[in-house]
N, C-alpha and C. Protein backbone atom coordinates (compact mmCIF):
# COMPACT_ATOMS: atom_id res chain seq x y z
N SER A 1 0.83 -1.19 0.00
CA SER A 1 0.00 0.00 0.00
C SER A 1 0.87 1.24 0.00
N LEU A 2 0.46 2.25 -0.75
CA LEU A 2 1.15 3.54 -0.69
C LEU A 2 1.07 4.12 0.72
N LEU A 3 -0.04 3.84 1.40
CA LEU A 3 -0.26 4.41 2.72
C LEU A 3 0.84 4.05 3.71
N ASN A 4 1.40 2.87 3.61
CA ASN A 4 2.43 2.47 4.56
C ASN A 4 3.72 2.02 3.87
N ALA A 5 4.01 2.57 2.71
CA ALA A 5 5.19 2.15 1.95
C ALA A 5 6.48 2.39 2.72
N GLU A 6 6.64 3.55 3.33
CA GLU A 6 7.88 3.82 4.07
C GLU A 6 8.01 2.89 5.27
N ALA A 7 6.93 2.70 6.00
CA ALA A 7 6.98 1.80 7.16
C ALA A 7 7.33 0.38 6.73
N THR A 8 6.77 -0.05 5.61
CA THR A 8 7.06 -1.39 5.10
C THR A 8 8.52 -1.49 4.66
N ALA A 9 9.00 -0.50 3.94
CA ALA A 9 10.40 -0.50 3.51
C ALA A 9 11.33 -0.50 4.71
N ARG A 10 10.99 0.29 5.71
CA ARG A 10 11.83 0.34 6.92
C ARG A 10 11.84 -1.02 7.62
N ALA A 11 10.67 -1.65 7.74
CA ALA A 11 10.60 -2.97 8.38
C ALA A 11 11.43 -3.99 7.60
N LEU A 12 11.34 -3.94 6.27
CA LEU A 12 12.13 -4.86 5.46
C LEU A 12 13.62 -4.58 5.57
N SER A 13 13.99 -3.32 5.54
CA SER A 13 15.42 -2.98 5.60
C SER A 13 16.00 -3.22 6.99
N ASP A 14 15.17 -3.12 8.02
CA ASP A 14 15.63 -3.40 9.39
C ASP A 14 15.58 -4.88 9.72
N GLY A 15 14.95 -5.67 8.85
CA GLY A 15 14.84 -7.10 9.11
C GLY A 15 13.84 -7.40 10.20
N ALA A 16 12.77 -6.61 10.28
CA ALA A 16 11.81 -6.74 11.38
C ALA A 16 11.12 -8.09 11.42
N GLU A 17 11.07 -8.79 10.30
CA GLU A 17 10.28 -10.02 10.30
C GLU A 17 11.11 -11.29 10.27
N HIS A 18 12.39 -11.21 10.65
CA HIS A 18 13.14 -12.46 10.74
C HIS A 18 12.83 -13.13 12.08
N ALA A 19 13.10 -14.40 12.16
CA ALA A 19 12.79 -15.16 13.37
C ALA A 19 13.62 -14.64 14.54
N PRO A 20 13.07 -14.66 15.75
CA PRO A 20 13.82 -14.22 16.93
C PRO A 20 15.14 -14.98 17.03
N GLY A 21 16.21 -14.26 17.30
CA GLY A 21 17.53 -14.85 17.42
C GLY A 21 18.23 -15.10 16.11
N GLU A 22 17.54 -14.93 15.00
CA GLU A 22 18.12 -15.17 13.68
C GLU A 22 18.79 -13.90 13.19
N ASN A 23 19.97 -14.03 12.63
CA ASN A 23 20.65 -12.88 12.03
C ASN A 23 20.19 -12.71 10.61
N LEU A 24 19.77 -11.50 10.27
CA LEU A 24 19.34 -11.24 8.90
C LEU A 24 20.58 -11.09 8.04
N GLU A 25 20.70 -11.93 7.04
CA GLU A 25 21.86 -11.89 6.15
C GLU A 25 21.78 -10.71 5.20
N GLN A 26 22.94 -10.22 4.83
CA GLN A 26 23.01 -9.19 3.79
C GLN A 26 22.63 -9.84 2.47
N GLY A 27 22.02 -9.09 1.59
CA GLY A 27 21.71 -9.60 0.27
C GLY A 27 20.45 -10.42 0.20
N VAL A 28 19.56 -10.27 1.16
CA VAL A 28 18.29 -11.00 1.13
C VAL A 28 17.43 -10.44 0.00
N ASP A 29 16.81 -11.34 -0.77
CA ASP A 29 15.93 -10.91 -1.85
C ASP A 29 14.57 -10.53 -1.29
N VAL A 30 13.98 -9.50 -1.87
CA VAL A 30 12.62 -9.09 -1.55
C VAL A 30 11.82 -9.17 -2.84
N LEU A 31 10.74 -9.92 -2.82
CA LEU A 31 9.87 -10.07 -3.98
C LEU A 31 8.64 -9.20 -3.78
N LEU A 32 8.42 -8.28 -4.68
CA LEU A 32 7.22 -7.45 -4.66
C LEU A 32 6.29 -8.01 -5.73
N LEU A 33 5.17 -8.52 -5.30
CA LEU A 33 4.23 -9.18 -6.19
C LEU A 33 3.02 -8.29 -6.40
N CYS A 34 2.77 -7.92 -7.65
CA CYS A 34 1.61 -7.09 -7.98
C CYS A 34 0.45 -8.01 -8.34
N ALA A 35 -0.67 -7.82 -7.66
CA ALA A 35 -1.82 -8.70 -7.85
C ALA A 35 -2.49 -8.51 -9.21
N GLY A 36 -2.56 -7.27 -9.68
CA GLY A 36 -3.25 -7.01 -10.93
C GLY A 36 -4.76 -7.11 -10.75
N SER A 37 -5.45 -7.21 -11.86
CA SER A 37 -6.91 -7.29 -11.81
C SER A 37 -7.42 -8.05 -13.02
N GLY A 38 -8.07 -9.17 -12.80
CA GLY A 38 -8.63 -9.95 -13.90
C GLY A 38 -7.60 -10.38 -14.91
N GLY A 39 -6.40 -10.73 -14.46
CA GLY A 39 -5.35 -11.16 -15.37
C GLY A 39 -4.63 -10.02 -16.08
N GLN A 40 -4.97 -8.78 -15.73
CA GLN A 40 -4.35 -7.60 -16.34
C GLN A 40 -3.38 -6.94 -15.36
N VAL A 41 -2.37 -6.29 -15.89
CA VAL A 41 -1.50 -5.47 -15.06
C VAL A 41 -2.32 -4.29 -14.57
N ALA A 42 -2.18 -3.96 -13.29
CA ALA A 42 -2.89 -2.81 -12.72
C ALA A 42 -1.86 -1.73 -12.37
N ALA A 43 -2.01 -0.57 -12.98
CA ALA A 43 -1.03 0.52 -12.80
C ALA A 43 -0.88 0.91 -11.34
N ASP A 44 -1.97 0.86 -10.57
CA ASP A 44 -1.86 1.22 -9.15
C ASP A 44 -0.94 0.25 -8.41
N ASP A 45 -1.02 -1.04 -8.73
CA ASP A 45 -0.13 -2.02 -8.10
C ASP A 45 1.32 -1.78 -8.48
N VAL A 46 1.56 -1.53 -9.76
CA VAL A 46 2.93 -1.33 -10.24
C VAL A 46 3.53 -0.06 -9.63
N ALA A 47 2.76 1.01 -9.58
CA ALA A 47 3.26 2.26 -8.98
C ALA A 47 3.55 2.08 -7.50
N THR A 48 2.70 1.33 -6.81
CA THR A 48 2.94 1.07 -5.39
C THR A 48 4.20 0.25 -5.20
N ALA A 49 4.40 -0.75 -6.03
CA ALA A 49 5.64 -1.53 -5.98
C ALA A 49 6.85 -0.63 -6.25
N GLY A 50 6.69 0.31 -7.18
CA GLY A 50 7.77 1.25 -7.47
C GLY A 50 8.10 2.15 -6.29
N CYS A 51 7.07 2.60 -5.60
CA CYS A 51 7.27 3.42 -4.41
C CYS A 51 8.06 2.64 -3.37
N LEU A 52 7.65 1.40 -3.13
CA LEU A 52 8.31 0.56 -2.14
C LEU A 52 9.73 0.20 -2.58
N ALA A 53 9.90 -0.16 -3.84
CA ALA A 53 11.24 -0.51 -4.34
C ALA A 53 12.18 0.69 -4.26
N GLY A 54 11.68 1.87 -4.59
CA GLY A 54 12.51 3.07 -4.48
C GLY A 54 12.91 3.35 -3.04
N SER A 55 11.98 3.16 -2.12
CA SER A 55 12.29 3.36 -0.71
C SER A 55 13.33 2.35 -0.23
N LEU A 56 13.21 1.10 -0.67
CA LEU A 56 14.19 0.09 -0.29
C LEU A 56 15.57 0.42 -0.85
N ALA A 57 15.61 0.94 -2.06
CA ALA A 57 16.89 1.33 -2.65
C ALA A 57 17.55 2.43 -1.83
N LEU A 58 16.75 3.39 -1.39
CA LEU A 58 17.30 4.50 -0.60
C LEU A 58 17.66 4.08 0.82
N MET A 59 16.81 3.32 1.47
CA MET A 59 17.02 2.97 2.87
C MET A 59 18.04 1.86 3.07
N ALA A 60 18.00 0.88 2.20
CA ALA A 60 18.79 -0.32 2.42
C ALA A 60 19.82 -0.58 1.35
N GLY A 61 19.93 0.34 0.40
CA GLY A 61 20.89 0.14 -0.68
C GLY A 61 20.52 -1.02 -1.59
N ALA A 62 19.22 -1.32 -1.66
CA ALA A 62 18.76 -2.42 -2.52
C ALA A 62 19.13 -2.14 -3.97
N ARG A 63 19.40 -3.20 -4.71
CA ARG A 63 19.70 -3.09 -6.13
C ARG A 63 18.50 -3.58 -6.91
N PRO A 64 17.69 -2.66 -7.41
CA PRO A 64 16.46 -3.06 -8.11
C PRO A 64 16.74 -3.80 -9.41
N THR A 65 15.87 -4.75 -9.71
CA THR A 65 15.90 -5.43 -11.01
C THR A 65 15.35 -4.47 -12.06
N ASP A 66 15.41 -4.88 -13.31
CA ASP A 66 14.82 -4.05 -14.38
C ASP A 66 13.32 -3.87 -14.16
N ALA A 67 12.64 -4.94 -13.71
CA ALA A 67 11.20 -4.83 -13.45
C ALA A 67 10.95 -3.81 -12.34
N ALA A 68 11.76 -3.85 -11.29
CA ALA A 68 11.60 -2.88 -10.20
C ALA A 68 11.91 -1.46 -10.69
N ARG A 69 12.91 -1.32 -11.54
CA ARG A 69 13.22 0.02 -12.09
C ARG A 69 12.07 0.56 -12.92
N THR A 70 11.40 -0.33 -13.64
CA THR A 70 10.22 0.08 -14.42
C THR A 70 9.12 0.57 -13.49
N ALA A 71 8.89 -0.16 -12.41
CA ALA A 71 7.88 0.24 -11.43
C ALA A 71 8.26 1.57 -10.75
N ILE A 72 9.53 1.73 -10.43
CA ILE A 72 10.01 2.99 -9.83
C ILE A 72 9.77 4.14 -10.79
N ALA A 73 10.05 3.92 -12.07
CA ALA A 73 9.86 4.97 -13.08
C ALA A 73 8.39 5.36 -13.18
N LEU A 74 7.48 4.39 -13.16
CA LEU A 74 6.06 4.71 -13.20
C LEU A 74 5.66 5.55 -11.99
N PHE A 75 6.11 5.14 -10.81
CA PHE A 75 5.81 5.91 -9.61
C PHE A 75 6.37 7.33 -9.72
N ASP A 76 7.62 7.45 -10.16
CA ASP A 76 8.25 8.77 -10.26
C ASP A 76 7.52 9.69 -11.23
N VAL A 77 7.07 9.15 -12.36
CA VAL A 77 6.36 9.97 -13.35
C VAL A 77 5.06 10.51 -12.77
N TRP A 78 4.38 9.70 -11.97
CA TRP A 78 3.05 10.07 -11.45
C TRP A 78 3.08 10.57 -10.00
N ARG A 79 4.24 10.66 -9.38
CA ARG A 79 4.32 10.98 -7.95
C ARG A 79 3.56 12.25 -7.57
N HIS A 80 3.44 13.21 -8.48
CA HIS A 80 2.74 14.46 -8.17
C HIS A 80 1.26 14.42 -8.54
N ASP A 81 0.79 13.30 -9.10
CA ASP A 81 -0.62 13.13 -9.40
C ASP A 81 -1.03 11.67 -9.21
N LEU A 82 -0.73 11.13 -8.05
CA LEU A 82 -1.10 9.74 -7.78
C LEU A 82 -2.61 9.51 -7.82
N PRO A 83 -3.43 10.47 -7.35
CA PRO A 83 -4.87 10.27 -7.49
C PRO A 83 -5.27 10.13 -8.97
N GLY A 84 -4.60 10.88 -9.85
CA GLY A 84 -4.89 10.77 -11.28
C GLY A 84 -4.53 9.41 -11.84
N LEU A 85 -3.37 8.90 -11.44
CA LEU A 85 -2.96 7.57 -11.90
C LEU A 85 -3.92 6.51 -11.38
N LEU A 86 -4.21 6.56 -10.09
CA LEU A 86 -5.09 5.55 -9.52
C LEU A 86 -6.49 5.62 -10.13
N ALA A 87 -6.99 6.81 -10.38
CA ALA A 87 -8.32 6.96 -10.99
C ALA A 87 -8.36 6.37 -12.40
N ARG A 88 -7.25 6.43 -13.12
CA ARG A 88 -7.19 5.90 -14.48
C ARG A 88 -6.91 4.40 -14.53
N SER A 89 -6.47 3.83 -13.41
CA SER A 89 -6.10 2.41 -13.38
C SER A 89 -7.35 1.53 -13.42
N ILE A 90 -7.14 0.26 -13.71
CA ILE A 90 -8.24 -0.71 -13.71
C ILE A 90 -8.96 -0.68 -12.37
N SER A 91 -8.20 -0.71 -11.30
CA SER A 91 -8.79 -0.74 -9.96
C SER A 91 -9.56 0.53 -9.66
N GLY A 92 -9.00 1.68 -10.02
CA GLY A 92 -9.67 2.95 -9.79
C GLY A 92 -10.97 3.07 -10.56
N ARG A 93 -10.96 2.58 -11.80
CA ARG A 93 -12.20 2.63 -12.60
C ARG A 93 -13.26 1.72 -12.01
N LYS A 94 -12.85 0.56 -11.48
CA LYS A 94 -13.81 -0.34 -10.83
C LYS A 94 -14.42 0.33 -9.60
N LEU A 95 -13.58 1.00 -8.80
CA LEU A 95 -14.10 1.69 -7.62
C LEU A 95 -15.08 2.79 -8.01
N ALA A 96 -14.76 3.53 -9.06
CA ALA A 96 -15.64 4.60 -9.51
C ALA A 96 -16.99 4.06 -9.95
N ARG A 97 -16.98 2.91 -10.62
CA ARG A 97 -18.24 2.32 -11.09
C ARG A 97 -19.18 1.96 -9.95
N VAL A 98 -18.63 1.70 -8.77
CA VAL A 98 -19.50 1.34 -7.63
C VAL A 98 -19.61 2.48 -6.62
N GLY A 99 -19.22 3.69 -7.03
CA GLY A 99 -19.41 4.86 -6.19
C GLY A 99 -18.37 5.07 -5.11
N LEU A 100 -17.20 4.49 -5.27
CA LEU A 100 -16.16 4.61 -4.24
C LEU A 100 -14.98 5.47 -4.70
N GLU A 101 -15.28 6.55 -5.42
CA GLU A 101 -14.22 7.43 -5.92
C GLU A 101 -13.36 8.00 -4.78
N LYS A 102 -13.97 8.25 -3.62
CA LYS A 102 -13.22 8.81 -2.50
C LYS A 102 -12.16 7.83 -1.99
N ASP A 103 -12.38 6.55 -2.19
CA ASP A 103 -11.36 5.57 -1.79
C ASP A 103 -10.09 5.74 -2.61
N VAL A 104 -10.24 6.12 -3.88
CA VAL A 104 -9.07 6.34 -4.74
C VAL A 104 -8.22 7.46 -4.16
N GLU A 105 -8.85 8.56 -3.79
CA GLU A 105 -8.12 9.69 -3.19
C GLU A 105 -7.42 9.25 -1.91
N PHE A 106 -8.12 8.53 -1.06
CA PHE A 106 -7.55 8.07 0.20
C PHE A 106 -6.34 7.16 -0.04
N CYS A 107 -6.49 6.20 -0.94
CA CYS A 107 -5.43 5.23 -1.21
C CYS A 107 -4.21 5.82 -1.91
N SER A 108 -4.34 7.02 -2.45
CA SER A 108 -3.22 7.63 -3.17
C SER A 108 -2.30 8.43 -2.25
N ARG A 109 -2.62 8.46 -0.97
CA ARG A 109 -1.74 9.17 -0.02
C ARG A 109 -0.54 8.29 0.31
N VAL A 110 0.63 8.90 0.35
CA VAL A 110 1.87 8.15 0.56
C VAL A 110 2.37 8.37 1.99
N ASP A 111 2.72 7.27 2.62
CA ASP A 111 3.39 7.28 3.93
C ASP A 111 2.59 7.98 5.03
N THR A 112 1.30 7.73 5.07
CA THR A 112 0.47 8.34 6.11
C THR A 112 0.13 7.38 7.24
N VAL A 113 0.42 6.09 7.06
CA VAL A 113 0.11 5.09 8.08
C VAL A 113 1.42 4.41 8.50
N PRO A 114 1.84 4.59 9.76
CA PRO A 114 3.15 4.09 10.18
C PRO A 114 3.14 2.64 10.68
N ILE A 115 2.22 1.82 10.22
CA ILE A 115 2.16 0.44 10.68
C ILE A 115 2.39 -0.52 9.52
N VAL A 116 2.77 -1.74 9.87
CA VAL A 116 3.04 -2.77 8.87
C VAL A 116 2.27 -4.02 9.26
N ALA A 117 1.57 -4.60 8.31
CA ALA A 117 0.89 -5.87 8.53
C ALA A 117 1.75 -6.99 7.95
N VAL A 118 1.74 -8.13 8.63
CA VAL A 118 2.45 -9.32 8.15
C VAL A 118 1.48 -10.49 8.15
N LEU A 119 1.76 -11.44 7.30
CA LEU A 119 0.97 -12.66 7.24
C LEU A 119 1.70 -13.71 8.07
N ASP A 120 1.06 -14.20 9.15
CA ASP A 120 1.73 -15.17 10.00
C ASP A 120 1.63 -16.57 9.37
N PRO A 121 2.36 -17.54 9.91
CA PRO A 121 2.36 -18.88 9.32
C PRO A 121 0.98 -19.52 9.25
N GLY A 122 0.05 -19.07 10.10
CA GLY A 122 -1.31 -19.61 10.07
C GLY A 122 -2.21 -18.94 9.06
N GLY A 123 -1.67 -17.99 8.29
CA GLY A 123 -2.45 -17.31 7.28
C GLY A 123 -3.29 -16.15 7.79
N VAL A 124 -2.91 -15.61 8.94
CA VAL A 124 -3.65 -14.50 9.54
C VAL A 124 -2.77 -13.25 9.47
N PHE A 125 -3.37 -12.12 9.04
CA PHE A 125 -2.64 -10.86 9.04
C PHE A 125 -2.60 -10.33 10.46
N ARG A 126 -1.44 -9.77 10.84
CA ARG A 126 -1.28 -9.17 12.16
C ARG A 126 -0.34 -7.99 12.03
N LEU A 127 -0.29 -7.17 13.07
CA LEU A 127 0.64 -6.05 13.08
C LEU A 127 2.05 -6.56 13.30
N ALA A 128 3.00 -6.01 12.55
CA ALA A 128 4.39 -6.33 12.78
C ALA A 128 4.82 -5.71 14.10
N THR A 129 5.68 -6.38 14.80
CA THR A 129 6.17 -5.85 16.07
C THR A 129 7.62 -5.51 15.99
């Protein structure tokens, strides 16, 4: 989510989710998976991945792949009009069709939520500690 991209990047770069007592190795791969919509690439997902990948590059010295660089470029081009990008995306158009245009505006805010959710081994989302 754009809302917690910095918090997520910080948690990843700090190794917040490694097992207790485990040393986080240098050079750990991070996979950013864009869900898309109906088998299509969704610009909002790619831009969000770009925001996160760019933050990881700055905070942790991550070396982005070409795919990550493409996502970073999309985010950078639209960074000053993220509501516009999200409104034009597949997901934004779906939200508009059901009267949820205000959700697009809300979801386009960057780094406004300082929490990180993680998926535990049981398949339940919880707050990262």
